[in-house]
């Protein structure tokens, strides 16, 4: 499957503590890269409500491997424990 998988993420640190999002980035971005993915952009909301990120993985297999990676699972557990609210919208590059 040659289609790039993209996910638009809206991250809300639930109280304005962006260090929680920065810790997630530090843990997740190397794992994403190990599976051929990258973060295409990150925007911090000027109103202080969070950040929006666009991540890309090369195909469904890479996405599935990323999601199953124990390092990502540990990072996701940190998201849950930190109370970060996440909205993920999957998409594909046109």
Protein backbone atom coordinates (compact mmCIF):
# COMPACT_ATOMS: atom_id res chain seq x y z
CA UNK A 1 0.00 0.00 0.00
CA UNK A 2 1.71 3.19 -1.22
CA UNK A 3 -0.74 5.56 0.45
CA UNK A 4 0.70 7.73 3.20
CA UNK A 5 -1.26 7.55 6.43
CA UNK A 6 -1.66 10.85 8.22
CA UNK A 7 -3.17 11.60 11.57
CA UNK A 8 -4.12 15.10 12.68
CA UNK A 9 -3.77 15.28 16.46
CA UNK A 10 -5.18 17.92 18.74
CA UNK A 11 -3.49 17.75 22.13
CA UNK A 12 -4.95 19.60 25.12
CA UNK A 13 -2.73 19.55 28.22
CA UNK A 14 -5.80 20.10 30.37
CA UNK A 15 -4.52 22.98 32.43
CA UNK A 16 -1.91 24.67 30.30
CA UNK A 17 1.13 22.59 31.34
CA UNK A 18 2.82 22.12 27.98
CA UNK A 19 5.68 20.19 29.60
CA UNK A 20 3.36 17.16 29.50
CA UNK A 21 3.05 17.47 25.71
CA UNK A 22 6.80 18.05 25.39
CA UNK A 23 7.46 14.84 27.35
CA UNK A 24 5.13 12.96 25.00
CA UNK A 25 6.97 14.37 21.99
CA UNK A 26 10.35 13.39 23.43
CA UNK A 27 9.14 9.82 23.92
CA UNK A 28 7.05 9.40 20.76
CA UNK A 29 8.97 11.12 17.97
CA UNK A 30 11.95 8.71 17.99
CA UNK A 31 9.53 5.75 17.89
CA UNK A 32 7.65 7.35 15.02
CA UNK A 33 10.93 7.81 13.11
CA UNK A 34 11.92 4.18 13.73
CA UNK A 35 8.76 3.16 11.86
CA UNK A 36 9.42 5.48 8.91
CA UNK A 37 7.11 8.22 10.13
CA UNK A 38 7.57 11.88 10.83
CA UNK A 39 5.80 14.84 12.31
CA UNK A 40 5.03 17.16 9.41
CA UNK A 41 4.09 20.13 11.57
CA UNK A 42 3.21 21.20 15.09
CA UNK A 43 1.30 24.36 16.01
CA UNK A 44 0.82 25.69 19.52
CA UNK A 45 -2.59 27.33 19.85
CA UNK A 46 -2.30 31.03 20.61
CA UNK A 47 -5.24 30.79 23.00
CA UNK A 48 -3.26 28.36 25.18
CA UNK A 49 -5.66 25.44 24.70
CA UNK A 50 -3.12 23.02 23.27
CA UNK A 51 -1.27 22.02 20.14
CA UNK A 52 -2.15 20.54 16.76
CA UNK A 53 0.24 18.09 15.09
CA UNK A 54 0.19 16.31 11.75
CA UNK A 55 2.04 13.01 11.71
CA UNK A 56 2.65 10.75 8.74
CA UNK A 57 3.54 7.09 8.39
CA UNK A 58 4.34 5.52 5.01
CA UNK A 59 1.69 2.80 4.99
CA UNK A 60 -0.76 0.74 7.04
CA UNK A 61 1.90 -1.76 8.11
CA UNK A 62 4.12 1.02 9.48
CA UNK A 63 1.16 2.56 11.29
CA UNK A 64 0.19 -0.78 12.83
CA UNK A 65 3.80 -1.45 13.88
CA UNK A 66 4.06 2.02 15.45
CA UNK A 67 0.84 1.56 17.41
CA UNK A 68 1.98 -1.89 18.64
CA UNK A 69 5.48 -0.72 19.62
CA UNK A 70 5.96 -1.09 23.39
CA UNK A 71 7.75 2.27 23.52
CA UNK A 72 4.69 3.98 22.02
CA UNK A 73 2.42 2.06 24.38
CA UNK A 74 4.45 3.38 27.32
CA UNK A 75 4.29 6.94 25.96
CA UNK A 76 0.52 6.62 25.50
CA UNK A 77 0.17 5.44 29.09
CA UNK A 78 1.96 8.64 30.08
CA UNK A 79 -0.64 10.63 28.12
CA UNK A 80 -3.43 8.93 30.04
CA UNK A 81 -1.74 9.44 33.40
CA UNK A 82 -0.99 13.11 32.63
CA UNK A 83 -4.61 13.81 31.73
CA UNK A 84 -3.76 15.06 28.23
CA UNK A 85 -6.87 15.09 26.07
CA UNK A 86 -6.25 13.90 22.51
CA UNK A 87 -8.45 14.04 19.45
CA UNK A 88 -7.08 12.08 16.48
CA UNK A 89 -8.45 12.43 12.95
CA UNK A 90 -7.00 9.98 10.41
CA UNK A 91 -6.50 11.10 6.82
CA UNK A 92 -4.49 10.62 3.65
CA UNK A 93 -2.37 13.03 1.63
CA UNK A 94 -4.09 14.18 -1.56
